[in-house]
Amino acid sequence: MARAAPRTLTVLNIEDITPNMRRLTLGGTDMQTLPAQQESAYLKFIFPDTQNHQVAKRSYTIINQRPTEIDVDFVLHETTDNGVEGPALTWVKNVKVGDDILVAGPGPTKLVSPDADWYLLVGDMTALPAITANLAQMPQDATGHAVIEVLSEQDIQNLTKPKNIEIHWIIVPHASADKAPLLDKVKSLTWPAGLPEVWAACEFNSMRAL
């Protein structure tokens, strides 16, 4: 089956929900072709890369979806391996209401199973939108833990979640290859009885440690 052509979406609203997380509300006529109930699925954004005279593609999670618009959160600290600000971050920092962006997808949704005995969600700040979408879609009687690494206390969010899911915020201003704060916190948790559903996404060193 041929892939669908990229859609053009328009920026309808810009909100800095924390110092390092920007939420864009996107809409436009091409929203009519976006399937419903895509929270937690990713869209591949196609950014102009003027420095290299090409385009750059980056995946971002749909965090909320309404009939004519979606919300997508972007971390405002991402850079390339050599410390240079990449085309995605440049676009997100300078975007204005009314700007258009090409997106491909969506990819598959990444929701946890509703039938698990309990849940363990682990991720850094780039995974926070997907964790947020999962928490909002969980059964209300769900139990478990969400361990989330953010850059500062100001980046802690008030997330919609089942009352028996405990959120543990880990403040890590600077990542270190020889430290694994997410793993340390996970190892310290008291695990409920039964079989868990585990969802984890973070940078390579943390994922390897987990």
N, C-alpha and C. Protein backbone atom coordinates (compact mmCIF):
# COMPACT_ATOMS: atom_id res chain seq x y z
N MET A 1 0.84 -1.20 0.00
CA MET A 1 0.00 0.00 0.00
C MET A 1 0.88 1.25 0.00
N ALA A 2 0.57 2.17 -0.89
CA ALA A 2 1.35 3.40 -0.98
C ALA A 2 1.14 4.27 0.26
N ARG A 3 2.18 4.94 0.67
CA ARG A 3 2.06 5.83 1.81
C ARG A 3 1.24 7.06 1.43
N ALA A 4 0.48 7.54 2.40
CA ALA A 4 -0.30 8.76 2.16
C ALA A 4 0.64 9.94 2.00
N ALA A 5 0.24 10.88 1.18
CA ALA A 5 1.04 12.09 0.98
C ALA A 5 1.06 12.90 2.27
N PRO A 6 2.14 13.62 2.55
CA PRO A 6 2.18 14.47 3.74
C PRO A 6 1.04 15.48 3.74
N ARG A 7 0.59 15.81 4.94
CA ARG A 7 -0.44 16.82 5.12
C ARG A 7 0.20 18.16 5.45
N THR A 8 -0.50 19.23 5.11
CA THR A 8 -0.09 20.56 5.55
C THR A 8 -0.98 20.97 6.71
N LEU A 9 -0.38 21.20 7.86
CA LEU A 9 -1.11 21.67 9.03
C LEU A 9 -0.69 23.09 9.36
N THR A 10 -1.61 23.83 9.96
CA THR A 10 -1.40 25.24 10.28
C THR A 10 -1.33 25.42 11.78
N VAL A 11 -0.40 26.24 12.24
CA VAL A 11 -0.26 26.53 13.67
C VAL A 11 -1.39 27.47 14.09
N LEU A 12 -2.24 26.99 15.00
CA LEU A 12 -3.38 27.76 15.48
C LEU A 12 -3.11 28.43 16.82
N ASN A 13 -2.24 27.83 17.63
CA ASN A 13 -1.96 28.40 18.95
C ASN A 13 -0.60 27.91 19.43
N ILE A 14 0.08 28.74 20.21
CA ILE A 14 1.38 28.43 20.78
C ILE A 14 1.31 28.68 22.28
N GLU A 15 1.67 27.68 23.08
CA GLU A 15 1.64 27.82 24.54
C GLU A 15 2.88 27.18 25.14
N ASP A 16 3.63 27.95 25.91
CA ASP A 16 4.76 27.41 26.66
C ASP A 16 4.22 26.88 27.98
N ILE A 17 4.00 25.57 28.05
CA ILE A 17 3.38 25.01 29.24
C ILE A 17 4.36 24.87 30.39
N THR A 18 5.66 24.79 30.09
CA THR A 18 6.73 24.89 31.08
C THR A 18 7.90 25.60 30.39
N PRO A 19 8.95 25.95 31.14
CA PRO A 19 10.08 26.65 30.49
C PRO A 19 10.71 25.87 29.34
N ASN A 20 10.63 24.54 29.37
CA ASN A 20 11.30 23.73 28.35
C ASN A 20 10.34 22.88 27.52
N MET A 21 9.04 23.21 27.56
CA MET A 21 8.07 22.45 26.77
C MET A 21 7.09 23.41 26.13
N ARG A 22 7.02 23.36 24.81
CA ARG A 22 6.12 24.23 24.05
C ARG A 22 5.04 23.39 23.39
N ARG A 23 3.79 23.79 23.57
CA ARG A 23 2.66 23.09 22.95
C ARG A 23 2.14 23.88 21.76
N LEU A 24 2.08 23.22 20.61
CA LEU A 24 1.49 23.81 19.42
C LEU A 24 0.15 23.14 19.15
N THR A 25 -0.85 23.95 18.90
CA THR A 25 -2.14 23.46 18.42
C THR A 25 -2.16 23.63 16.92
N LEU A 26 -2.43 22.53 16.22
CA LEU A 26 -2.36 22.50 14.76
C LEU A 26 -3.71 22.13 14.18
N GLY A 27 -4.05 22.74 13.06
CA GLY A 27 -5.31 22.45 12.39
C GLY A 27 -5.19 22.73 10.90
N GLY A 28 -6.33 23.04 10.29
CA GLY A 28 -6.35 23.31 8.86
C GLY A 28 -7.20 22.31 8.11
N THR A 29 -7.37 22.53 6.82
CA THR A 29 -8.26 21.68 6.03
C THR A 29 -7.78 20.24 5.95
N ASP A 30 -6.48 20.01 6.01
CA ASP A 30 -5.96 18.63 5.92
C ASP A 30 -6.27 17.81 7.17
N MET A 31 -6.74 18.45 8.24
CA MET A 31 -7.16 17.70 9.42
C MET A 31 -8.32 16.76 9.10
N GLN A 32 -9.07 17.07 8.04
CA GLN A 32 -10.22 16.23 7.67
C GLN A 32 -9.79 14.81 7.31
N THR A 33 -8.55 14.64 6.89
CA THR A 33 -8.07 13.31 6.48
C THR A 33 -7.30 12.60 7.57
N LEU A 34 -7.14 13.22 8.74
CA LEU A 34 -6.42 12.58 9.83
C LEU A 34 -7.38 11.66 10.58
N PRO A 35 -7.05 10.38 10.76
CA PRO A 35 -7.94 9.48 11.48
C PRO A 35 -8.19 9.97 12.91
N ALA A 36 -9.33 9.58 13.47
CA ALA A 36 -9.68 9.96 14.83
C ALA A 36 -8.92 9.08 15.83
N GLN A 37 -8.91 9.51 17.08
CA GLN A 37 -8.36 8.76 18.21
C GLN A 37 -6.90 8.38 18.00
N GLN A 38 -6.09 9.38 17.67
CA GLN A 38 -4.67 9.15 17.42
C GLN A 38 -3.78 9.62 18.57
N GLU A 39 -4.35 9.89 19.74
CA GLU A 39 -3.51 10.25 20.88
C GLU A 39 -2.48 9.16 21.14
N SER A 40 -1.25 9.54 21.32
CA SER A 40 -0.06 8.70 21.55
C SER A 40 0.61 8.27 20.25
N ALA A 41 -0.04 8.45 19.10
CA ALA A 41 0.61 8.16 17.82
C ALA A 41 1.58 9.30 17.48
N TYR A 42 2.53 9.00 16.61
CA TYR A 42 3.48 10.05 16.24
C TYR A 42 3.20 10.56 14.83
N LEU A 43 3.51 11.81 14.63
CA LEU A 43 3.56 12.41 13.30
C LEU A 43 5.01 12.73 12.98
N LYS A 44 5.39 12.56 11.74
CA LYS A 44 6.75 12.90 11.32
C LYS A 44 6.73 14.29 10.70
N PHE A 45 7.30 15.26 11.42
CA PHE A 45 7.34 16.64 10.96
C PHE A 45 8.49 16.80 9.97
N ILE A 46 8.24 17.56 8.92
CA ILE A 46 9.22 17.76 7.86
C ILE A 46 9.67 19.22 7.90
N PHE A 47 10.85 19.44 8.47
CA PHE A 47 11.35 20.79 8.69
C PHE A 47 12.34 21.19 7.59
N PRO A 48 12.32 22.45 7.18
CA PRO A 48 13.36 22.91 6.25
C PRO A 48 14.70 22.99 6.97
N ASP A 49 15.73 22.44 6.34
CA ASP A 49 17.10 22.49 6.88
C ASP A 49 17.93 23.34 5.92
N THR A 50 17.88 24.65 6.12
CA THR A 50 18.54 25.56 5.19
C THR A 50 20.05 25.43 5.22
N GLN A 51 20.60 25.03 6.37
CA GLN A 51 22.05 24.91 6.48
C GLN A 51 22.60 23.82 5.57
N ASN A 52 21.84 22.71 5.45
CA ASN A 52 22.30 21.59 4.64
C ASN A 52 21.53 21.47 3.32
N HIS A 53 20.69 22.46 3.02
CA HIS A 53 19.95 22.52 1.76
C HIS A 53 19.12 21.25 1.54
N GLN A 54 18.42 20.84 2.58
CA GLN A 54 17.57 19.67 2.49
C GLN A 54 16.46 19.80 3.53
N VAL A 55 15.74 18.71 3.78
CA VAL A 55 14.73 18.73 4.83
C VAL A 55 15.15 17.78 5.94
N ALA A 56 14.64 18.04 7.14
CA ALA A 56 14.89 17.18 8.29
C ALA A 56 13.56 16.65 8.79
N LYS A 57 13.51 15.37 9.12
CA LYS A 57 12.29 14.74 9.60
C LYS A 57 12.46 14.33 11.05
N ARG A 58 11.49 14.71 11.88
CA ARG A 58 11.52 14.37 13.29
C ARG A 58 10.12 13.91 13.71
N SER A 59 10.06 12.94 14.61
CA SER A 59 8.78 12.39 15.06
C SER A 59 8.35 13.03 16.37
N TYR A 60 7.07 13.40 16.45
CA TYR A 60 6.50 13.99 17.66
C TYR A 60 5.13 13.38 17.91
N THR A 61 4.77 13.30 19.19
CA THR A 61 3.56 12.60 19.61
C THR A 61 2.34 13.51 19.61
N ILE A 62 1.22 12.98 19.13
CA ILE A 62 -0.07 13.67 19.28
C ILE A 62 -0.51 13.48 20.72
N ILE A 63 -0.64 14.57 21.46
CA ILE A 63 -0.98 14.46 22.87
C ILE A 63 -2.48 14.62 23.11
N ASN A 64 -3.14 15.47 22.34
CA ASN A 64 -4.59 15.64 22.40
C ASN A 64 -5.12 15.74 20.98
N GLN A 65 -6.33 15.22 20.76
CA GLN A 65 -6.96 15.34 19.45
C GLN A 65 -8.41 15.72 19.62
N ARG A 66 -8.82 16.73 18.86
CA ARG A 66 -10.20 17.16 18.79
C ARG A 66 -10.63 17.09 17.32
N PRO A 67 -11.91 17.28 17.01
CA PRO A 67 -12.36 17.08 15.62
C PRO A 67 -11.59 17.89 14.58
N THR A 68 -11.17 19.10 14.92
CA THR A 68 -10.54 19.95 13.90
C THR A 68 -9.12 20.38 14.26
N GLU A 69 -8.54 19.83 15.34
CA GLU A 69 -7.21 20.26 15.74
C GLU A 69 -6.55 19.22 16.64
N ILE A 70 -5.23 19.31 16.70
CA ILE A 70 -4.44 18.44 17.58
C ILE A 70 -3.45 19.28 18.36
N ASP A 71 -2.98 18.74 19.48
CA ASP A 71 -1.92 19.36 20.26
C ASP A 71 -0.68 18.48 20.18
N VAL A 72 0.47 19.11 19.98
CA VAL A 72 1.75 18.42 19.93
C VAL A 72 2.74 19.20 20.79
N ASP A 73 3.44 18.51 21.69
CA ASP A 73 4.40 19.15 22.58
C ASP A 73 5.83 18.96 22.06
N PHE A 74 6.63 20.01 22.21
CA PHE A 74 8.02 20.01 21.74
C PHE A 74 8.94 20.42 22.88
N VAL A 75 9.99 19.64 23.11
CA VAL A 75 11.01 20.02 24.09
C VAL A 75 11.88 21.11 23.48
N LEU A 76 12.19 22.13 24.28
CA LEU A 76 12.90 23.30 23.76
C LEU A 76 14.40 23.28 24.03
N HIS A 77 14.97 22.11 24.31
CA HIS A 77 16.41 22.08 24.61
C HIS A 77 17.19 21.18 23.68
N GLU A 78 16.55 20.53 22.71
CA GLU A 78 17.23 19.54 21.88
C GLU A 78 18.26 20.19 20.95
N THR A 79 19.43 19.58 20.86
CA THR A 79 20.47 20.03 19.94
C THR A 79 21.05 18.81 19.23
N THR A 80 21.87 19.05 18.24
CA THR A 80 22.54 17.96 17.55
C THR A 80 23.70 17.45 18.40
N ASP A 81 24.35 16.37 17.94
CA ASP A 81 25.44 15.77 18.72
C ASP A 81 26.60 16.73 18.97
N ASN A 82 26.83 17.67 18.06
CA ASN A 82 27.93 18.61 18.26
C ASN A 82 27.50 19.89 18.96
N GLY A 83 26.28 19.86 19.55
CA GLY A 83 25.81 20.99 20.33
C GLY A 83 25.16 22.09 19.54
N VAL A 84 25.00 21.90 18.24
CA VAL A 84 24.40 22.92 17.39
C VAL A 84 22.88 22.76 17.40
N GLU A 85 22.18 23.87 17.41
CA GLU A 85 20.72 23.84 17.36
C GLU A 85 20.27 23.30 16.01
N GLY A 86 19.45 22.24 16.03
CA GLY A 86 19.01 21.61 14.80
C GLY A 86 17.83 22.33 14.17
N PRO A 87 17.45 21.91 12.95
CA PRO A 87 16.36 22.59 12.23
C PRO A 87 15.02 22.47 12.93
N ALA A 88 14.76 21.37 13.62
CA ALA A 88 13.49 21.22 14.33
C ALA A 88 13.37 22.25 15.45
N LEU A 89 14.43 22.34 16.27
CA LEU A 89 14.41 23.30 17.38
C LEU A 89 14.35 24.73 16.87
N THR A 90 15.08 25.02 15.81
CA THR A 90 15.03 26.37 15.23
C THR A 90 13.62 26.72 14.80
N TRP A 91 12.95 25.79 14.15
CA TRP A 91 11.57 26.05 13.70
C TRP A 91 10.64 26.25 14.88
N VAL A 92 10.73 25.37 15.88
CA VAL A 92 9.82 25.43 17.02
C VAL A 92 10.01 26.73 17.80
N LYS A 93 11.24 27.18 17.96
CA LYS A 93 11.50 28.40 18.71
C LYS A 93 10.99 29.65 17.98
N ASN A 94 10.95 29.60 16.66
CA ASN A 94 10.62 30.80 15.88
C ASN A 94 9.24 30.74 15.23
N VAL A 95 8.50 29.67 15.46
CA VAL A 95 7.21 29.51 14.80
C VAL A 95 6.22 30.58 15.24
N LYS A 96 5.30 30.93 14.35
CA LYS A 96 4.26 31.92 14.64
C LYS A 96 2.91 31.33 14.27
N VAL A 97 1.87 31.84 14.95
CA VAL A 97 0.51 31.44 14.58
C VAL A 97 0.28 31.78 13.12
N GLY A 98 -0.28 30.83 12.39
CA GLY A 98 -0.50 31.00 10.96
C GLY A 98 0.53 30.32 10.09
N ASP A 99 1.67 29.92 10.67
CA ASP A 99 2.68 29.20 9.90
C ASP A 99 2.19 27.80 9.55
N ASP A 100 2.64 27.29 8.42
CA ASP A 100 2.30 25.93 7.98
C ASP A 100 3.50 25.01 8.18
N ILE A 101 3.19 23.70 8.34
CA ILE A 101 4.23 22.69 8.46
C ILE A 101 3.74 21.41 7.79
N LEU A 102 4.63 20.74 7.07
CA LEU A 102 4.30 19.45 6.47
C LEU A 102 4.50 18.34 7.50
N VAL A 103 3.53 17.41 7.57
CA VAL A 103 3.65 16.27 8.47
C VAL A 103 3.26 15.00 7.72
N ALA A 104 3.94 13.91 8.03
CA ALA A 104 3.60 12.61 7.48
C ALA A 104 3.10 11.72 8.62
N GLY A 105 2.36 10.68 8.26
CA GLY A 105 1.80 9.79 9.26
C GLY A 105 0.30 9.97 9.39
N PRO A 106 -0.26 9.56 10.51
CA PRO A 106 0.40 9.16 11.75
C PRO A 106 0.91 7.72 11.73
N GLY A 107 1.91 7.48 12.61
CA GLY A 107 2.34 6.13 12.87
C GLY A 107 1.37 5.46 13.84
N PRO A 108 1.65 4.24 14.25
CA PRO A 108 0.73 3.53 15.15
C PRO A 108 0.65 4.20 16.52
N THR A 109 -0.50 4.06 17.17
CA THR A 109 -0.63 4.54 18.54
C THR A 109 0.24 3.69 19.45
N LYS A 110 0.65 4.28 20.57
CA LYS A 110 1.55 3.60 21.50
C LYS A 110 0.94 3.57 22.90
N LEU A 111 -0.31 3.12 22.95
CA LEU A 111 -1.02 3.04 24.23
C LEU A 111 -0.75 1.69 24.90
N VAL A 112 -0.64 1.72 26.22
CA VAL A 112 -0.45 0.49 26.98
C VAL A 112 -1.74 -0.32 26.98
N SER A 113 -1.62 -1.61 27.25
CA SER A 113 -2.78 -2.49 27.31
C SER A 113 -3.68 -2.09 28.48
N PRO A 114 -5.00 -2.10 28.28
CA PRO A 114 -5.89 -1.76 29.40
C PRO A 114 -6.08 -2.91 30.38
N ASP A 115 -5.48 -4.07 30.12
CA ASP A 115 -5.76 -5.27 30.92
C ASP A 115 -4.62 -5.68 31.85
N ALA A 116 -3.60 -4.85 32.00
CA ALA A 116 -2.47 -5.21 32.85
C ALA A 116 -2.85 -5.17 34.32
N ASP A 117 -2.10 -5.94 35.14
CA ASP A 117 -2.34 -5.89 36.59
C ASP A 117 -1.90 -4.55 37.16
N TRP A 118 -0.78 -4.04 36.65
CA TRP A 118 -0.32 -2.71 37.04
C TRP A 118 0.62 -2.18 35.97
N TYR A 119 1.01 -0.90 36.12
CA TYR A 119 1.73 -0.22 35.04
C TYR A 119 3.01 0.42 35.56
N LEU A 120 4.03 0.39 34.70
CA LEU A 120 5.27 1.12 34.96
C LEU A 120 5.62 1.88 33.69
N LEU A 121 5.57 3.20 33.77
CA LEU A 121 5.93 4.07 32.65
C LEU A 121 7.18 4.84 33.03
N VAL A 122 8.18 4.82 32.15
CA VAL A 122 9.46 5.45 32.45
C VAL A 122 9.91 6.24 31.23
N GLY A 123 10.32 7.49 31.43
CA GLY A 123 10.79 8.25 30.29
C GLY A 123 11.42 9.57 30.67
N ASP A 124 12.20 10.11 29.73
CA ASP A 124 12.76 11.44 29.92
C ASP A 124 11.80 12.47 29.33
N MET A 125 12.26 13.69 29.20
CA MET A 125 11.35 14.77 28.82
C MET A 125 10.83 14.62 27.40
N THR A 126 11.62 14.02 26.51
CA THR A 126 11.14 13.83 25.15
C THR A 126 10.02 12.79 25.10
N ALA A 127 9.96 11.91 26.09
CA ALA A 127 8.90 10.90 26.17
C ALA A 127 7.68 11.39 26.93
N LEU A 128 7.78 12.54 27.58
CA LEU A 128 6.68 13.03 28.40
C LEU A 128 5.37 13.17 27.64
N PRO A 129 5.34 13.67 26.39
CA PRO A 129 4.05 13.73 25.69
C PRO A 129 3.39 12.37 25.53
N ALA A 130 4.15 11.33 25.20
CA ALA A 130 3.57 10.00 25.05
C ALA A 130 3.11 9.44 26.39
N ILE A 131 3.86 9.70 27.45
CA ILE A 131 3.44 9.28 28.78
C ILE A 131 2.15 10.00 29.18
N THR A 132 2.09 11.29 28.89
CA THR A 132 0.89 12.07 29.20
C THR A 132 -0.32 11.49 28.50
N ALA A 133 -0.18 11.17 27.21
CA ALA A 133 -1.29 10.59 26.45
C ALA A 133 -1.71 9.25 27.03
N ASN A 134 -0.75 8.44 27.44
CA ASN A 134 -1.07 7.14 28.02
C ASN A 134 -1.80 7.27 29.35
N LEU A 135 -1.33 8.15 30.21
CA LEU A 135 -1.97 8.34 31.51
C LEU A 135 -3.42 8.77 31.35
N ALA A 136 -3.68 9.64 30.38
CA ALA A 136 -5.03 10.15 30.18
C ALA A 136 -5.98 9.07 29.65
N GLN A 137 -5.43 8.05 28.97
CA GLN A 137 -6.27 7.02 28.36
C GLN A 137 -6.38 5.75 29.21
N MET A 138 -5.68 5.68 30.33
CA MET A 138 -5.69 4.48 31.16
C MET A 138 -7.05 4.26 31.83
N PRO A 139 -7.37 3.00 32.16
CA PRO A 139 -8.56 2.75 32.98
C PRO A 139 -8.45 3.49 34.31
N GLN A 140 -9.55 3.99 34.80
CA GLN A 140 -9.52 4.79 36.02
C GLN A 140 -9.12 3.99 37.26
N ASP A 141 -9.23 2.66 37.19
CA ASP A 141 -8.81 1.84 38.33
C ASP A 141 -7.38 1.33 38.19
N ALA A 142 -6.63 1.86 37.24
CA ALA A 142 -5.25 1.43 37.02
C ALA A 142 -4.38 1.80 38.22
N THR A 143 -3.38 0.96 38.49
CA THR A 143 -2.41 1.22 39.55
C THR A 143 -1.00 1.11 38.98
N GLY A 144 -0.05 1.73 39.67
CA GLY A 144 1.34 1.62 39.24
C GLY A 144 2.12 2.89 39.41
N HIS A 145 3.18 3.03 38.61
CA HIS A 145 4.11 4.15 38.75
C HIS A 145 4.44 4.74 37.39
N ALA A 146 4.68 6.05 37.38
CA ALA A 146 5.27 6.73 36.23
C ALA A 146 6.49 7.49 36.73
N VAL A 147 7.65 7.18 36.16
CA VAL A 147 8.90 7.83 36.55
C VAL A 147 9.34 8.70 35.38
N ILE A 148 9.42 10.01 35.62
CA ILE A 148 9.63 10.96 34.53
C ILE A 148 10.79 11.88 34.87
N GLU A 149 11.74 11.97 33.95
CA GLU A 149 12.90 12.84 34.12
C GLU A 149 12.67 14.16 33.40
N VAL A 150 12.84 15.28 34.12
CA VAL A 150 12.70 16.61 33.52
C VAL A 150 13.92 17.45 33.87
N LEU A 151 14.03 18.59 33.20
CA LEU A 151 15.22 19.43 33.35
C LEU A 151 15.21 20.28 34.61
N SER A 152 14.03 20.64 35.10
CA SER A 152 13.94 21.53 36.26
C SER A 152 12.62 21.31 36.97
N GLU A 153 12.52 21.83 38.19
CA GLU A 153 11.26 21.73 38.92
C GLU A 153 10.14 22.46 38.19
N GLN A 154 10.48 23.51 37.46
CA GLN A 154 9.48 24.27 36.71
C GLN A 154 8.89 23.47 35.55
N ASP A 155 9.54 22.37 35.18
CA ASP A 155 9.04 21.53 34.09
C ASP A 155 8.08 20.44 34.57
N ILE A 156 7.83 20.37 35.87
CA ILE A 156 6.86 19.41 36.39
C ILE A 156 5.46 19.86 35.99
N GLN A 157 4.66 18.93 35.48
CA GLN A 157 3.32 19.25 35.01
C GLN A 157 2.26 18.56 35.88
N ASN A 158 1.08 19.14 35.89
CA ASN A 158 -0.07 18.53 36.57
C ASN A 158 -0.79 17.66 35.54
N LEU A 159 -0.53 16.37 35.57
CA LEU A 159 -1.01 15.46 34.54
C LEU A 159 -2.33 14.80 34.94
N THR A 160 -3.20 14.60 33.97
CA THR A 160 -4.42 13.83 34.17
C THR A 160 -4.05 12.36 34.25
N LYS A 161 -4.48 11.68 35.33
CA LYS A 161 -4.08 10.29 35.53
C LYS A 161 -5.05 9.59 36.46
N PRO A 162 -5.06 8.24 36.45
CA PRO A 162 -5.82 7.51 37.47
C PRO A 162 -5.25 7.80 38.86
N LYS A 163 -6.10 7.82 39.86
CA LYS A 163 -5.66 8.24 41.19
C LYS A 163 -4.62 7.31 41.80
N ASN A 164 -4.58 6.04 41.37
CA ASN A 164 -3.64 5.09 41.95
C ASN A 164 -2.38 4.90 41.11
N ILE A 165 -2.16 5.78 40.15
CA ILE A 165 -0.87 5.84 39.46
C ILE A 165 -0.05 6.93 40.13
N GLU A 166 1.07 6.55 40.71
CA GLU A 166 1.93 7.51 41.41
C GLU A 166 3.00 8.02 40.45
N ILE A 167 3.12 9.35 40.37
CA ILE A 167 4.12 9.95 39.49
C ILE A 167 5.34 10.36 40.30
N HIS A 168 6.51 9.99 39.81
CA HIS A 168 7.78 10.33 40.45
C HIS A 168 8.57 11.20 39.48
N TRP A 169 8.79 12.45 39.86
CA TRP A 169 9.53 13.38 39.00
C TRP A 169 11.00 13.37 39.39
N ILE A 170 11.88 13.21 38.42
CA ILE A 170 13.32 13.20 38.64
C ILE A 170 13.90 14.44 37.95
N ILE A 171 14.58 15.29 38.72
CA ILE A 171 15.14 16.52 38.18
C ILE A 171 16.58 16.26 37.76
N VAL A 172 16.85 16.38 36.46
CA VAL A 172 18.20 16.15 35.93
C VAL A 172 18.53 17.28 34.95
N PRO A 173 19.17 18.35 35.44
CA PRO A 173 19.49 19.48 34.55
C PRO A 173 20.47 19.11 33.44
N HIS A 174 21.40 18.18 33.74
CA HIS A 174 22.42 17.80 32.76
C HIS A 174 22.59 16.29 32.77
N ALA A 175 22.41 15.66 31.62
CA ALA A 175 22.56 14.21 31.52
C ALA A 175 24.02 13.82 31.69
N SER A 176 24.23 12.63 32.26
CA SER A 176 25.59 12.13 32.48
C SER A 176 25.64 10.66 32.06
N ALA A 177 26.68 10.29 31.32
CA ALA A 177 26.80 8.93 30.83
C ALA A 177 27.05 7.93 31.96
N ASP A 178 27.60 8.38 33.09
CA ASP A 178 27.93 7.45 34.17
C ASP A 178 26.90 7.47 35.29
N LYS A 179 25.76 8.11 35.07
CA LYS A 179 24.70 8.12 36.07
C LYS A 179 23.39 7.72 35.40
N ALA A 180 22.53 7.04 36.17
CA ALA A 180 21.25 6.57 35.63
C ALA A 180 20.15 6.85 36.64
N PRO A 181 19.74 8.12 36.79
CA PRO A 181 18.75 8.47 37.80
C PRO A 181 17.40 7.79 37.58
N LEU A 182 17.00 7.57 36.33
CA LEU A 182 15.74 6.87 36.09
C LEU A 182 15.82 5.44 36.64
N LEU A 183 16.91 4.75 36.33
CA LEU A 183 17.09 3.39 36.83
C LEU A 183 17.13 3.35 38.35
N ASP A 184 17.86 4.29 38.96
CA ASP A 184 17.94 4.32 40.42
C ASP A 184 16.56 4.45 41.04
N LYS A 185 15.73 5.31 40.46
CA LYS A 185 14.38 5.49 41.01
C LYS A 185 13.54 4.25 40.79
N VAL A 186 13.61 3.65 39.61
CA VAL A 186 12.82 2.44 39.34
C VAL A 186 13.19 1.34 40.33
N LYS A 187 14.49 1.18 40.61
CA LYS A 187 14.94 0.13 41.52
C LYS A 187 14.46 0.37 42.95
N SER A 188 14.16 1.62 43.29
CA SER A 188 13.75 1.94 44.66
C SER A 188 12.25 1.76 44.88
N LEU A 189 11.49 1.53 43.82
CA LEU A 189 10.04 1.46 43.94
C LEU A 189 9.58 0.15 44.56
N THR A 190 8.45 0.21 45.25
CA THR A 190 7.76 -1.00 45.71
C THR A 190 6.81 -1.44 44.60
N TRP A 191 7.02 -2.63 44.08
CA TRP A 191 6.23 -3.09 42.94
C TRP A 191 4.96 -3.79 43.42
N PRO A 192 3.82 -3.43 42.86
CA PRO A 192 2.58 -4.13 43.20
C PRO A 192 2.63 -5.59 42.75
N ALA A 193 1.69 -6.39 43.25
CA ALA A 193 1.60 -7.79 42.84
C ALA A 193 1.05 -7.89 41.42
N GLY A 194 1.37 -8.99 40.76
CA GLY A 194 0.84 -9.24 39.43
C GLY A 194 1.83 -8.90 38.33
N LEU A 195 1.38 -9.06 37.10
CA LEU A 195 2.21 -8.81 35.92
C LEU A 195 2.04 -7.36 35.46
N PRO A 196 3.15 -6.64 35.29
CA PRO A 196 3.04 -5.24 34.88
C PRO A 196 3.04 -5.07 33.37
N GLU A 197 2.53 -3.96 32.93
CA GLU A 197 2.73 -3.48 31.56
C GLU A 197 3.79 -2.38 31.67
N VAL A 198 4.91 -2.56 30.98
CA VAL A 198 6.03 -1.62 31.08
C VAL A 198 6.14 -0.84 29.78
N TRP A 199 6.24 0.48 29.91
CA TRP A 199 6.43 1.38 28.77
C TRP A 199 7.61 2.27 29.12
N ALA A 200 8.63 2.28 28.26
CA ALA A 200 9.82 3.07 28.56
C ALA A 200 10.36 3.70 27.29
N ALA A 201 10.81 4.95 27.40
CA ALA A 201 11.44 5.65 26.29
C ALA A 201 12.33 6.75 26.87
N CYS A 202 13.60 6.73 26.48
CA CYS A 202 14.55 7.73 26.99
C CYS A 202 15.80 7.66 26.13
N GLU A 203 16.79 8.49 26.47
CA GLU A 203 18.02 8.50 25.68
C GLU A 203 18.78 7.19 25.88
N PHE A 204 19.75 6.92 25.01
CA PHE A 204 20.36 5.59 24.89
C PHE A 204 20.95 5.09 26.19
N ASN A 205 21.74 5.91 26.90
CA ASN A 205 22.41 5.44 28.11
C ASN A 205 21.40 5.03 29.18
N SER A 206 20.34 5.83 29.33
CA SER A 206 19.32 5.49 30.32
C SER A 206 18.56 4.23 29.93
N MET A 207 18.23 4.10 28.64
CA MET A 207 17.51 2.92 28.19
C MET A 207 18.35 1.66 28.37
N ARG A 208 19.63 1.73 28.08
CA ARG A 208 20.51 0.58 28.25
C ARG A 208 20.57 0.18 29.72
N ALA A 209 20.63 1.16 30.61
CA ALA A 209 20.67 0.86 32.04
C ALA A 209 19.37 0.21 32.51
N LEU A 210 18.24 0.72 32.00
CA LEU A 210 16.96 0.14 32.38
C LEU A 210 16.85 -1.29 31.89
